[in-house]
Amino acid sequence: MNNPKVKIIGIKNLSNAHYKLDKVDFEFQTNRGSLQTQSRECYDRGDGAAILLYNPAKKTVILTKQFRMPSYLNGNASGMMIEVCAGMLDKDHPEACIIKEVEEETGFKITTPKKIFELYSTPGAVTEKIHYFVAECSDAMKIGDGGGLEEEHEEIEVLEIDFEIALTMVEKGEINDAKTVVLLQYAKLNNLL
């Protein structure tokens, strides 16, 4: 935090129930030189990692399907979302995190995911930065059922979908998770499948 145009006046914690929600009061110097006092609520859930697993031999992608309460509250009738495998870093290195999440959620054992970039998904309200990865997989790499961890209350369905069908699902709005769309578009632009 070294922007000379920003001065933090105060931070008040509003909640620590599941993640951290703070109200931040600050002064911001505009390009015209005037000072504005502003307040923002910032939700800190930590950083995450997401990965697109793809099978070039079969021209398929491995996705997950699970219930997401925020989407349910915002008009998703079933609350079910089709997504790439992802998880919170929980102080792990991003690569270590995604290797662990892949095995827990999908049952695949990967060793060399390729990091492609980092993105802030909702920088106006959420501090989270997501580390994006891709990795090839094959049927031989499937060592378990996946499905997530019971102690984390995860109930994840593993889907293997033809790549072209997945792209069509994006067009139809059947896949509407931002990180998933970003990674599918990355795969298309870079001819991964």
N, C-alpha and C. Protein backbone atom coordinates (compact mmCIF):
# COMPACT_ATOMS: atom_id res chain seq x y z
N MET A 1 0.86 -1.17 0.00
CA MET A 1 0.00 0.00 0.00
C MET A 1 0.90 1.23 0.00
N ASN A 2 1.24 1.67 -1.20
CA ASN A 2 2.13 2.81 -1.30
C ASN A 2 1.63 3.86 -2.29
N ASN A 3 0.33 3.98 -2.44
CA ASN A 3 -0.23 4.98 -3.32
C ASN A 3 -0.34 6.30 -2.55
N PRO A 4 0.43 7.34 -2.94
CA PRO A 4 0.38 8.60 -2.20
C PRO A 4 -0.95 9.34 -2.31
N LYS A 5 -1.82 8.92 -3.22
CA LYS A 5 -3.13 9.56 -3.37
C LYS A 5 -4.18 8.98 -2.42
N VAL A 6 -3.82 7.94 -1.67
CA VAL A 6 -4.77 7.27 -0.77
C VAL A 6 -4.25 7.34 0.66
N LYS A 7 -5.13 7.78 1.57
CA LYS A 7 -4.80 7.79 2.99
C LYS A 7 -5.93 7.07 3.74
N ILE A 8 -5.58 5.95 4.37
CA ILE A 8 -6.56 5.20 5.15
C ILE A 8 -6.83 5.97 6.45
N ILE A 9 -8.08 6.29 6.69
CA ILE A 9 -8.48 6.99 7.91
C ILE A 9 -8.78 6.00 9.02
N GLY A 10 -9.48 4.92 8.65
CA GLY A 10 -9.81 3.92 9.66
C GLY A 10 -10.41 2.68 9.03
N ILE A 11 -10.24 1.58 9.73
CA ILE A 11 -10.82 0.31 9.30
C ILE A 11 -11.61 -0.26 10.47
N LYS A 12 -12.90 -0.54 10.22
CA LYS A 12 -13.76 -1.10 11.25
C LYS A 12 -14.22 -2.48 10.81
N ASN A 13 -13.96 -3.48 11.62
CA ASN A 13 -14.38 -4.83 11.30
C ASN A 13 -15.89 -4.96 11.53
N LEU A 14 -16.60 -5.43 10.51
CA LEU A 14 -18.05 -5.60 10.59
C LEU A 14 -18.44 -7.05 10.86
N SER A 15 -17.59 -7.99 10.41
CA SER A 15 -17.91 -9.40 10.61
C SER A 15 -16.66 -10.26 10.42
N ASN A 16 -16.60 -11.32 11.19
CA ASN A 16 -15.59 -12.37 11.04
C ASN A 16 -16.27 -13.73 11.03
N ALA A 17 -17.54 -13.77 10.64
CA ALA A 17 -18.33 -14.99 10.75
C ALA A 17 -17.72 -16.15 9.96
N HIS A 18 -17.53 -15.98 8.69
CA HIS A 18 -16.92 -17.03 7.86
C HIS A 18 -15.64 -16.50 7.24
N TYR A 19 -15.73 -15.31 6.74
CA TYR A 19 -14.57 -14.57 6.25
C TYR A 19 -14.62 -13.20 6.90
N LYS A 20 -13.81 -12.29 6.46
CA LYS A 20 -13.68 -11.00 7.12
C LYS A 20 -14.32 -9.90 6.27
N LEU A 21 -15.17 -9.11 6.91
CA LEU A 21 -15.80 -7.97 6.25
C LEU A 21 -15.42 -6.72 7.03
N ASP A 22 -14.76 -5.78 6.35
CA ASP A 22 -14.33 -4.53 6.97
C ASP A 22 -14.96 -3.33 6.26
N LYS A 23 -15.20 -2.27 7.03
CA LYS A 23 -15.58 -0.98 6.46
C LYS A 23 -14.32 -0.12 6.51
N VAL A 24 -13.90 0.38 5.35
CA VAL A 24 -12.68 1.17 5.25
C VAL A 24 -13.05 2.60 4.91
N ASP A 25 -12.66 3.54 5.78
CA ASP A 25 -12.82 4.97 5.51
C ASP A 25 -11.46 5.48 5.05
N PHE A 26 -11.47 6.26 3.95
CA PHE A 26 -10.21 6.74 3.40
C PHE A 26 -10.39 8.06 2.66
N GLU A 27 -9.28 8.74 2.49
CA GLU A 27 -9.25 9.95 1.66
C GLU A 27 -8.57 9.57 0.35
N PHE A 28 -9.13 10.11 -0.75
CA PHE A 28 -8.59 9.85 -2.07
C PHE A 28 -8.38 11.18 -2.78
N GLN A 29 -7.17 11.41 -3.25
CA GLN A 29 -6.87 12.65 -3.98
C GLN A 29 -7.21 12.45 -5.45
N THR A 30 -8.12 13.26 -5.97
CA THR A 30 -8.53 13.14 -7.37
C THR A 30 -7.44 13.69 -8.28
N ASN A 31 -7.59 13.45 -9.57
CA ASN A 31 -6.64 13.99 -10.55
C ASN A 31 -6.65 15.51 -10.59
N ARG A 32 -7.73 16.13 -10.12
CA ARG A 32 -7.81 17.60 -10.07
C ARG A 32 -7.20 18.14 -8.78
N GLY A 33 -6.78 17.24 -7.89
CA GLY A 33 -6.11 17.66 -6.66
C GLY A 33 -6.99 17.76 -5.44
N SER A 34 -8.29 17.63 -5.58
CA SER A 34 -9.16 17.72 -4.41
C SER A 34 -9.17 16.39 -3.66
N LEU A 35 -9.48 16.48 -2.36
CA LEU A 35 -9.56 15.28 -1.53
C LEU A 35 -11.01 14.87 -1.37
N GLN A 36 -11.26 13.59 -1.56
CA GLN A 36 -12.59 13.03 -1.35
C GLN A 36 -12.49 12.04 -0.19
N THR A 37 -13.46 12.12 0.73
CA THR A 37 -13.54 11.12 1.78
C THR A 37 -14.54 10.08 1.32
N GLN A 38 -14.11 8.82 1.34
CA GLN A 38 -14.95 7.73 0.85
C GLN A 38 -14.97 6.59 1.87
N SER A 39 -15.98 5.76 1.76
CA SER A 39 -16.08 4.54 2.58
C SER A 39 -16.41 3.38 1.66
N ARG A 40 -15.78 2.24 1.92
CA ARG A 40 -16.06 1.03 1.17
C ARG A 40 -16.09 -0.15 2.12
N GLU A 41 -16.99 -1.09 1.86
CA GLU A 41 -16.97 -2.36 2.56
C GLU A 41 -16.14 -3.31 1.72
N CYS A 42 -15.17 -3.94 2.36
CA CYS A 42 -14.26 -4.86 1.67
C CYS A 42 -14.36 -6.24 2.30
N TYR A 43 -14.66 -7.21 1.46
CA TYR A 43 -14.82 -8.60 1.91
C TYR A 43 -13.52 -9.32 1.63
N ASP A 44 -12.90 -9.85 2.69
CA ASP A 44 -11.62 -10.56 2.56
C ASP A 44 -11.85 -12.03 2.83
N ARG A 45 -11.82 -12.82 1.77
CA ARG A 45 -11.99 -14.26 1.91
C ARG A 45 -10.70 -15.00 1.59
N GLY A 46 -9.62 -14.26 1.44
CA GLY A 46 -8.34 -14.87 1.08
C GLY A 46 -8.24 -15.04 -0.42
N ASP A 47 -7.09 -15.50 -0.87
CA ASP A 47 -6.87 -15.71 -2.29
C ASP A 47 -7.18 -17.15 -2.65
N GLY A 48 -7.36 -17.39 -3.94
CA GLY A 48 -7.73 -18.72 -4.40
C GLY A 48 -6.95 -19.15 -5.62
N ALA A 49 -7.21 -20.37 -6.06
CA ALA A 49 -6.61 -20.92 -7.26
C ALA A 49 -7.69 -21.68 -8.01
N ALA A 50 -7.60 -21.66 -9.33
CA ALA A 50 -8.55 -22.35 -10.19
C ALA A 50 -7.79 -23.01 -11.33
N ILE A 51 -8.32 -24.13 -11.82
CA ILE A 51 -7.61 -24.86 -12.87
C ILE A 51 -8.57 -25.47 -13.87
N LEU A 52 -8.18 -25.42 -15.14
CA LEU A 52 -8.90 -26.15 -16.17
C LEU A 52 -8.10 -27.43 -16.46
N LEU A 53 -8.71 -28.56 -16.12
CA LEU A 53 -8.14 -29.86 -16.48
C LEU A 53 -8.68 -30.22 -17.86
N TYR A 54 -7.79 -30.62 -18.76
CA TYR A 54 -8.24 -30.98 -20.11
C TYR A 54 -7.55 -32.24 -20.59
N ASN A 55 -8.30 -33.04 -21.31
CA ASN A 55 -7.79 -34.28 -21.86
C ASN A 55 -7.68 -34.12 -23.37
N PRO A 56 -6.46 -33.88 -23.87
CA PRO A 56 -6.31 -33.63 -25.31
C PRO A 56 -6.64 -34.84 -26.18
N ALA A 57 -6.44 -36.05 -25.67
CA ALA A 57 -6.74 -37.25 -26.45
C ALA A 57 -8.24 -37.38 -26.68
N LYS A 58 -9.03 -37.08 -25.66
CA LYS A 58 -10.49 -37.20 -25.76
C LYS A 58 -11.18 -35.89 -26.11
N LYS A 59 -10.41 -34.79 -26.10
CA LYS A 59 -10.95 -33.44 -26.35
C LYS A 59 -12.08 -33.10 -25.37
N THR A 60 -11.79 -33.38 -24.08
CA THR A 60 -12.75 -33.11 -23.02
C THR A 60 -12.13 -32.23 -21.94
N VAL A 61 -13.00 -31.65 -21.12
CA VAL A 61 -12.56 -30.88 -19.95
C VAL A 61 -13.23 -31.48 -18.73
N ILE A 62 -12.55 -31.40 -17.59
CA ILE A 62 -13.08 -31.89 -16.33
C ILE A 62 -13.60 -30.69 -15.55
N LEU A 63 -14.89 -30.69 -15.27
CA LEU A 63 -15.53 -29.60 -14.54
C LEU A 63 -16.22 -30.19 -13.31
N THR A 64 -16.70 -29.31 -12.45
CA THR A 64 -17.41 -29.74 -11.25
C THR A 64 -18.78 -29.09 -11.22
N LYS A 65 -19.68 -29.70 -10.47
CA LYS A 65 -21.02 -29.14 -10.28
C LYS A 65 -21.33 -29.20 -8.80
N GLN A 66 -21.72 -28.03 -8.27
CA GLN A 66 -22.06 -28.00 -6.84
C GLN A 66 -23.00 -26.83 -6.55
N PHE A 67 -23.63 -26.90 -5.39
CA PHE A 67 -24.56 -25.86 -4.95
C PHE A 67 -23.79 -24.64 -4.47
N ARG A 68 -24.22 -23.45 -4.90
CA ARG A 68 -23.62 -22.17 -4.49
C ARG A 68 -24.73 -21.24 -3.99
N MET A 69 -24.79 -21.05 -2.68
CA MET A 69 -25.85 -20.24 -2.07
C MET A 69 -25.94 -18.83 -2.65
N PRO A 70 -24.84 -18.07 -2.80
CA PRO A 70 -24.98 -16.72 -3.35
C PRO A 70 -25.65 -16.69 -4.73
N SER A 71 -25.36 -17.67 -5.57
CA SER A 71 -26.02 -17.70 -6.89
C SER A 71 -27.51 -18.00 -6.73
N TYR A 72 -27.83 -18.87 -5.79
CA TYR A 72 -29.23 -19.21 -5.51
C TYR A 72 -30.02 -17.98 -5.06
N LEU A 73 -29.39 -17.18 -4.20
CA LEU A 73 -30.04 -15.96 -3.72
C LEU A 73 -30.17 -14.90 -4.82
N ASN A 74 -29.38 -15.04 -5.88
CA ASN A 74 -29.39 -14.04 -6.95
C ASN A 74 -29.98 -14.59 -8.25
N GLY A 75 -30.99 -15.44 -8.13
CA GLY A 75 -31.77 -15.83 -9.30
C GLY A 75 -31.41 -17.16 -9.95
N ASN A 76 -30.40 -17.86 -9.47
CA ASN A 76 -30.10 -19.19 -10.01
C ASN A 76 -31.08 -20.17 -9.36
N ALA A 77 -32.09 -20.60 -10.10
CA ALA A 77 -33.21 -21.35 -9.54
C ALA A 77 -32.80 -22.60 -8.75
N SER A 78 -31.78 -23.31 -9.20
CA SER A 78 -31.36 -24.52 -8.49
C SER A 78 -30.18 -24.25 -7.56
N GLY A 79 -29.47 -23.17 -7.80
CA GLY A 79 -28.26 -22.88 -7.03
C GLY A 79 -27.06 -23.70 -7.46
N MET A 80 -27.24 -24.58 -8.43
CA MET A 80 -26.15 -25.43 -8.90
C MET A 80 -25.31 -24.67 -9.93
N MET A 81 -23.98 -24.81 -9.79
CA MET A 81 -23.06 -24.14 -10.71
C MET A 81 -22.10 -25.16 -11.30
N ILE A 82 -21.83 -25.02 -12.59
CA ILE A 82 -20.80 -25.82 -13.25
C ILE A 82 -19.55 -24.96 -13.30
N GLU A 83 -18.46 -25.49 -12.75
CA GLU A 83 -17.25 -24.69 -12.57
C GLU A 83 -16.00 -25.54 -12.82
N VAL A 84 -14.88 -24.84 -13.01
CA VAL A 84 -13.59 -25.50 -12.97
C VAL A 84 -13.28 -25.83 -11.51
N CYS A 85 -12.36 -26.74 -11.30
CA CYS A 85 -11.89 -27.06 -9.96
C CYS A 85 -11.21 -25.82 -9.38
N ALA A 86 -11.51 -25.50 -8.12
CA ALA A 86 -10.94 -24.30 -7.50
C ALA A 86 -10.96 -24.45 -5.99
N GLY A 87 -10.17 -23.62 -5.32
CA GLY A 87 -10.17 -23.63 -3.88
C GLY A 87 -9.42 -22.45 -3.30
N MET A 88 -9.59 -22.27 -2.01
CA MET A 88 -8.90 -21.19 -1.29
C MET A 88 -7.48 -21.63 -0.97
N LEU A 89 -6.54 -20.68 -1.00
CA LEU A 89 -5.14 -21.01 -0.75
C LEU A 89 -4.89 -21.47 0.68
N ASP A 90 -5.58 -20.88 1.64
CA ASP A 90 -5.39 -21.24 3.05
C ASP A 90 -3.90 -21.27 3.42
N LYS A 91 -3.18 -20.24 3.01
CA LYS A 91 -1.74 -20.06 3.30
C LYS A 91 -0.83 -21.04 2.54
N ASP A 92 -1.40 -21.86 1.64
CA ASP A 92 -0.58 -22.72 0.79
C ASP A 92 -0.06 -21.92 -0.39
N HIS A 93 1.00 -22.40 -1.01
CA HIS A 93 1.47 -21.85 -2.28
C HIS A 93 0.39 -22.17 -3.32
N PRO A 94 0.12 -21.28 -4.28
CA PRO A 94 -0.95 -21.53 -5.24
C PRO A 94 -0.84 -22.88 -5.96
N GLU A 95 0.37 -23.26 -6.38
CA GLU A 95 0.52 -24.53 -7.09
C GLU A 95 0.22 -25.72 -6.17
N ALA A 96 0.71 -25.68 -4.94
CA ALA A 96 0.42 -26.76 -3.98
C ALA A 96 -1.08 -26.84 -3.70
N CYS A 97 -1.71 -25.69 -3.58
CA CYS A 97 -3.15 -25.65 -3.33
C CYS A 97 -3.92 -26.32 -4.46
N ILE A 98 -3.59 -25.97 -5.71
CA ILE A 98 -4.40 -26.48 -6.81
C ILE A 98 -4.17 -27.97 -7.03
N ILE A 99 -2.96 -28.45 -6.78
CA ILE A 99 -2.70 -29.89 -6.88
C ILE A 99 -3.56 -30.65 -5.87
N LYS A 100 -3.64 -30.12 -4.64
CA LYS A 100 -4.45 -30.74 -3.59
C LYS A 100 -5.94 -30.67 -3.93
N GLU A 101 -6.40 -29.51 -4.39
CA GLU A 101 -7.82 -29.34 -4.72
C GLU A 101 -8.24 -30.27 -5.86
N VAL A 102 -7.38 -30.42 -6.86
CA VAL A 102 -7.71 -31.30 -7.99
C VAL A 102 -7.98 -32.72 -7.50
N GLU A 103 -7.12 -33.21 -6.64
CA GLU A 103 -7.30 -34.57 -6.15
C GLU A 103 -8.56 -34.69 -5.28
N GLU A 104 -8.78 -33.72 -4.39
CA GLU A 104 -9.95 -33.75 -3.51
C GLU A 104 -11.26 -33.65 -4.28
N GLU A 105 -11.30 -32.71 -5.24
CA GLU A 105 -12.56 -32.43 -5.93
C GLU A 105 -12.83 -33.34 -7.11
N THR A 106 -11.77 -33.72 -7.86
CA THR A 106 -12.00 -34.46 -9.10
C THR A 106 -11.46 -35.89 -9.08
N GLY A 107 -10.57 -36.19 -8.16
CA GLY A 107 -9.98 -37.52 -8.11
C GLY A 107 -8.78 -37.72 -9.03
N PHE A 108 -8.36 -36.66 -9.72
CA PHE A 108 -7.20 -36.75 -10.60
C PHE A 108 -5.93 -36.38 -9.83
N LYS A 109 -4.85 -37.05 -10.15
CA LYS A 109 -3.53 -36.75 -9.56
C LYS A 109 -2.70 -36.05 -10.62
N ILE A 110 -2.44 -34.75 -10.39
CA ILE A 110 -1.60 -34.00 -11.32
C ILE A 110 -0.32 -33.58 -10.59
N THR A 111 0.72 -33.30 -11.36
CA THR A 111 1.99 -32.90 -10.74
C THR A 111 2.53 -31.59 -11.27
N THR A 112 2.17 -31.21 -12.49
CA THR A 112 2.78 -30.02 -13.08
C THR A 112 1.75 -29.09 -13.71
N PRO A 113 0.92 -28.46 -12.90
CA PRO A 113 -0.01 -27.49 -13.47
C PRO A 113 0.76 -26.28 -14.00
N LYS A 114 0.24 -25.68 -15.07
CA LYS A 114 0.88 -24.50 -15.66
C LYS A 114 0.11 -23.26 -15.23
N LYS A 115 0.80 -22.35 -14.52
CA LYS A 115 0.15 -21.09 -14.12
C LYS A 115 0.12 -20.16 -15.32
N ILE A 116 -1.06 -19.59 -15.58
CA ILE A 116 -1.17 -18.71 -16.74
C ILE A 116 -1.35 -17.24 -16.39
N PHE A 117 -1.99 -16.93 -15.27
CA PHE A 117 -2.10 -15.55 -14.81
C PHE A 117 -2.79 -15.47 -13.47
N GLU A 118 -2.89 -14.25 -12.93
CA GLU A 118 -3.62 -13.95 -11.69
C GLU A 118 -4.61 -12.85 -12.02
N LEU A 119 -5.83 -12.97 -11.48
CA LEU A 119 -6.87 -11.97 -11.73
C LEU A 119 -7.63 -11.63 -10.45
N TYR A 120 -8.03 -10.37 -10.33
CA TYR A 120 -8.99 -9.96 -9.31
C TYR A 120 -10.36 -10.07 -9.96
N SER A 121 -11.25 -10.87 -9.40
CA SER A 121 -12.55 -11.10 -10.02
C SER A 121 -13.56 -9.99 -9.73
N THR A 122 -13.57 -9.47 -8.51
CA THR A 122 -14.53 -8.45 -8.11
C THR A 122 -13.80 -7.40 -7.28
N PRO A 123 -12.89 -6.63 -7.89
CA PRO A 123 -12.03 -5.73 -7.11
C PRO A 123 -12.75 -4.56 -6.45
N GLY A 124 -14.01 -4.32 -6.79
CA GLY A 124 -14.75 -3.24 -6.16
C GLY A 124 -15.25 -3.58 -4.76
N ALA A 125 -15.26 -4.88 -4.43
CA ALA A 125 -15.81 -5.27 -3.13
C ALA A 125 -15.06 -6.42 -2.45
N VAL A 126 -14.32 -7.21 -3.21
CA VAL A 126 -13.69 -8.41 -2.67
C VAL A 126 -12.19 -8.33 -2.90
N THR A 127 -11.41 -8.65 -1.86
CA THR A 127 -9.94 -8.57 -1.97
C THR A 127 -9.34 -9.75 -2.73
N GLU A 128 -10.09 -10.82 -2.92
CA GLU A 128 -9.57 -12.08 -3.48
C GLU A 128 -8.90 -11.91 -4.84
N LYS A 129 -7.73 -12.53 -4.95
CA LYS A 129 -7.00 -12.66 -6.21
C LYS A 129 -6.96 -14.16 -6.51
N ILE A 130 -7.30 -14.52 -7.75
CA ILE A 130 -7.32 -15.93 -8.13
C ILE A 130 -6.12 -16.22 -9.04
N HIS A 131 -5.41 -17.30 -8.72
CA HIS A 131 -4.29 -17.79 -9.51
C HIS A 131 -4.87 -18.83 -10.47
N TYR A 132 -4.71 -18.60 -11.77
CA TYR A 132 -5.30 -19.47 -12.79
C TYR A 132 -4.27 -20.43 -13.35
N PHE A 133 -4.69 -21.70 -13.50
CA PHE A 133 -3.82 -22.77 -14.00
C PHE A 133 -4.55 -23.57 -15.07
N VAL A 134 -3.77 -24.28 -15.87
CA VAL A 134 -4.27 -25.31 -16.78
C VAL A 134 -3.39 -26.54 -16.59
N ALA A 135 -3.94 -27.72 -16.88
CA ALA A 135 -3.14 -28.95 -16.81
C ALA A 135 -3.80 -30.02 -17.66
N GLU A 136 -2.97 -30.75 -18.36
CA GLU A 136 -3.45 -31.92 -19.09
C GLU A 136 -3.76 -33.03 -18.10
N CYS A 137 -4.73 -33.86 -18.47
CA CYS A 137 -5.03 -35.04 -17.66
C CYS A 137 -5.37 -36.19 -18.60
N SER A 138 -5.35 -37.38 -18.05
CA SER A 138 -5.73 -38.57 -18.81
C SER A 138 -6.46 -39.50 -17.86
N ASP A 139 -7.12 -40.51 -18.42
CA ASP A 139 -7.85 -41.47 -17.59
C ASP A 139 -6.91 -42.16 -16.61
N ALA A 140 -5.64 -42.35 -17.01
CA ALA A 140 -4.67 -43.03 -16.14
C ALA A 140 -4.35 -42.22 -14.89
N MET A 141 -4.63 -40.93 -14.90
CA MET A 141 -4.34 -40.05 -13.76
C MET A 141 -5.48 -40.03 -12.75
N LYS A 142 -6.56 -40.69 -13.04
CA LYS A 142 -7.73 -40.72 -12.13
C LYS A 142 -7.46 -41.76 -11.05
N ILE A 143 -7.25 -41.29 -9.81
CA ILE A 143 -6.91 -42.20 -8.71
C ILE A 143 -8.00 -42.31 -7.66
N GLY A 144 -9.07 -41.53 -7.82
CA GLY A 144 -10.16 -41.54 -6.85
C GLY A 144 -11.42 -40.99 -7.47
N ASP A 145 -12.47 -40.94 -6.65
CA ASP A 145 -13.76 -40.45 -7.13
C ASP A 145 -13.88 -38.94 -7.11
N GLY A 146 -13.08 -38.27 -6.26
CA GLY A 146 -13.27 -36.84 -6.09
C GLY A 146 -14.50 -36.57 -5.26
N GLY A 147 -15.14 -35.45 -5.48
CA GLY A 147 -16.36 -35.13 -4.76
C GLY A 147 -16.18 -34.18 -3.60
N GLY A 148 -14.93 -33.83 -3.27
CA GLY A 148 -14.68 -32.90 -2.18
C GLY A 148 -14.53 -33.59 -0.84
N LEU A 149 -14.36 -32.77 0.18
CA LEU A 149 -14.16 -33.28 1.53
C LEU A 149 -15.43 -33.12 2.36
N GLU A 150 -15.83 -34.20 2.99
CA GLU A 150 -17.03 -34.17 3.82
C GLU A 150 -16.90 -33.16 4.96
N GLU A 151 -15.69 -33.08 5.57
CA GLU A 151 -15.50 -32.15 6.69
C GLU A 151 -15.59 -30.68 6.26
N GLU A 152 -15.46 -30.43 4.96
CA GLU A 152 -15.65 -29.07 4.43
C GLU A 152 -17.05 -28.90 3.86
N HIS A 153 -17.93 -29.87 4.12
CA HIS A 153 -19.32 -29.85 3.66
C HIS A 153 -19.42 -29.73 2.14
N GLU A 154 -18.47 -30.37 1.45
CA GLU A 154 -18.48 -30.34 -0.01
C GLU A 154 -19.24 -31.55 -0.55
N GLU A 155 -20.05 -31.30 -1.54
CA GLU A 155 -20.73 -32.35 -2.27
C GLU A 155 -20.62 -31.97 -3.75
N ILE A 156 -19.57 -32.49 -4.37
CA ILE A 156 -19.19 -32.05 -5.71
C ILE A 156 -19.36 -33.20 -6.69
N GLU A 157 -20.06 -32.91 -7.78
CA GLU A 157 -20.20 -33.88 -8.87
C GLU A 157 -19.11 -33.58 -9.90
N VAL A 158 -18.40 -34.60 -10.33
CA VAL A 158 -17.34 -34.45 -11.32
C VAL A 158 -17.94 -34.70 -12.70
N LEU A 159 -17.68 -33.77 -13.62
CA LEU A 159 -18.21 -33.86 -14.98
C LEU A 159 -17.06 -33.90 -15.98
N GLU A 160 -17.15 -34.78 -16.95
CA GLU A 160 -16.23 -34.77 -18.08
C GLU A 160 -17.05 -34.39 -19.30
N ILE A 161 -16.74 -33.23 -19.88
CA ILE A 161 -17.57 -32.67 -20.94
C ILE A 161 -16.72 -32.43 -22.18
N ASP A 162 -17.26 -32.77 -23.33
CA ASP A 162 -16.61 -32.47 -24.60
C ASP A 162 -16.35 -30.95 -24.65
N PHE A 163 -15.14 -30.58 -25.08
CA PHE A 163 -14.74 -29.18 -25.06
C PHE A 163 -15.69 -28.29 -25.86
N GLU A 164 -16.07 -28.72 -27.05
CA GLU A 164 -16.97 -27.90 -27.88
C GLU A 164 -18.34 -27.77 -27.23
N ILE A 165 -18.80 -28.82 -26.58
CA ILE A 165 -20.08 -28.74 -25.86
C ILE A 165 -19.98 -27.76 -24.70
N ALA A 166 -18.84 -27.77 -23.98
CA ALA A 166 -18.65 -26.81 -22.88
C ALA A 166 -18.71 -25.38 -23.39
N LEU A 167 -18.10 -25.12 -24.56
CA LEU A 167 -18.16 -23.77 -25.12
C LEU A 167 -19.59 -23.38 -25.49
N THR A 168 -20.36 -24.33 -26.01
CA THR A 168 -21.76 -24.09 -26.33
C THR A 168 -22.56 -23.82 -25.05
N MET A 169 -22.21 -24.53 -23.98
CA MET A 169 -22.89 -24.31 -22.68
C MET A 169 -22.64 -22.89 -22.18
N VAL A 170 -21.46 -22.34 -22.45
CA VAL A 170 -21.19 -20.94 -22.09
C VAL A 170 -22.12 -20.03 -22.88
N GLU A 171 -22.21 -20.25 -24.19
CA GLU A 171 -23.07 -19.42 -25.04
C GLU A 171 -24.53 -19.47 -24.61
N LYS A 172 -24.98 -20.62 -24.13
CA LYS A 172 -26.37 -20.79 -23.71
C LYS A 172 -26.61 -20.32 -22.27
N GLY A 173 -25.55 -19.94 -21.55
CA GLY A 173 -25.70 -19.51 -20.16
C GLY A 173 -25.76 -20.67 -19.18
N GLU A 174 -25.48 -21.88 -19.63
CA GLU A 174 -25.50 -23.04 -18.73
C GLU A 174 -24.23 -23.11 -17.89
N ILE A 175 -23.15 -22.55 -18.41
CA ILE A 175 -21.92 -22.34 -17.65
C ILE A 175 -21.78 -20.83 -17.55
N ASN A 176 -21.92 -20.29 -16.33
CA ASN A 176 -21.88 -18.84 -16.17
C ASN A 176 -21.03 -18.42 -14.97
N ASP A 177 -20.06 -19.24 -14.63
CA ASP A 177 -19.09 -18.91 -13.59
C ASP A 177 -17.90 -18.22 -14.27
N ALA A 178 -17.51 -17.07 -13.78
CA ALA A 178 -16.49 -16.25 -14.46
C ALA A 178 -15.16 -16.98 -14.63
N LYS A 179 -14.66 -17.62 -13.58
CA LYS A 179 -13.34 -18.26 -13.69
C LYS A 179 -13.39 -19.40 -14.70
N THR A 180 -14.52 -20.08 -14.80
CA THR A 180 -14.67 -21.17 -15.75
C THR A 180 -14.71 -20.64 -17.18
N VAL A 181 -15.46 -19.59 -17.40
CA VAL A 181 -15.54 -18.98 -18.73
C VAL A 181 -14.16 -18.47 -19.15
N VAL A 182 -13.46 -17.82 -18.23
CA VAL A 182 -12.11 -17.31 -18.54
C VAL A 182 -11.20 -18.45 -18.97
N LEU A 183 -11.20 -19.55 -18.22
CA LEU A 183 -10.29 -20.66 -18.55
C LEU A 183 -10.71 -21.40 -19.82
N LEU A 184 -12.00 -21.55 -20.07
CA LEU A 184 -12.43 -22.15 -21.33
C LEU A 184 -12.05 -21.29 -22.52
N GLN A 185 -12.20 -19.98 -22.37
CA GLN A 185 -11.80 -19.07 -23.45
C GLN A 185 -10.28 -19.09 -23.66
N TYR A 186 -9.54 -19.19 -22.58
CA TYR A 186 -8.08 -19.31 -22.67
C TYR A 186 -7.72 -20.58 -23.48
N ALA A 187 -8.38 -21.68 -23.17
CA ALA A 187 -8.12 -22.94 -23.87
C ALA A 187 -8.42 -22.81 -25.36
N LYS A 188 -9.51 -22.12 -25.66
CA LYS A 188 -9.89 -21.93 -27.07
C LYS A 188 -8.87 -21.04 -27.78
N LEU A 189 -8.52 -19.92 -27.17
CA LEU A 189 -7.58 -18.99 -27.79
C LEU A 189 -6.19 -19.58 -27.99
N ASN A 190 -5.82 -20.49 -27.11
CA ASN A 190 -4.48 -21.08 -27.15
C ASN A 190 -4.46 -22.50 -27.74
N ASN A 191 -5.58 -22.89 -28.34
CA ASN A 191 -5.68 -24.18 -29.03
C ASN A 191 -5.20 -25.35 -28.18
N LEU A 192 -5.64 -25.38 -26.92
CA LEU A 192 -5.25 -26.48 -26.04
C LEU A 192 -5.95 -27.78 -26.45
N LEU A 193 -7.14 -27.67 -27.05
CA LEU A 193 -7.90 -28.86 -27.46
C LEU A 193 -8.32 -28.74 -28.92
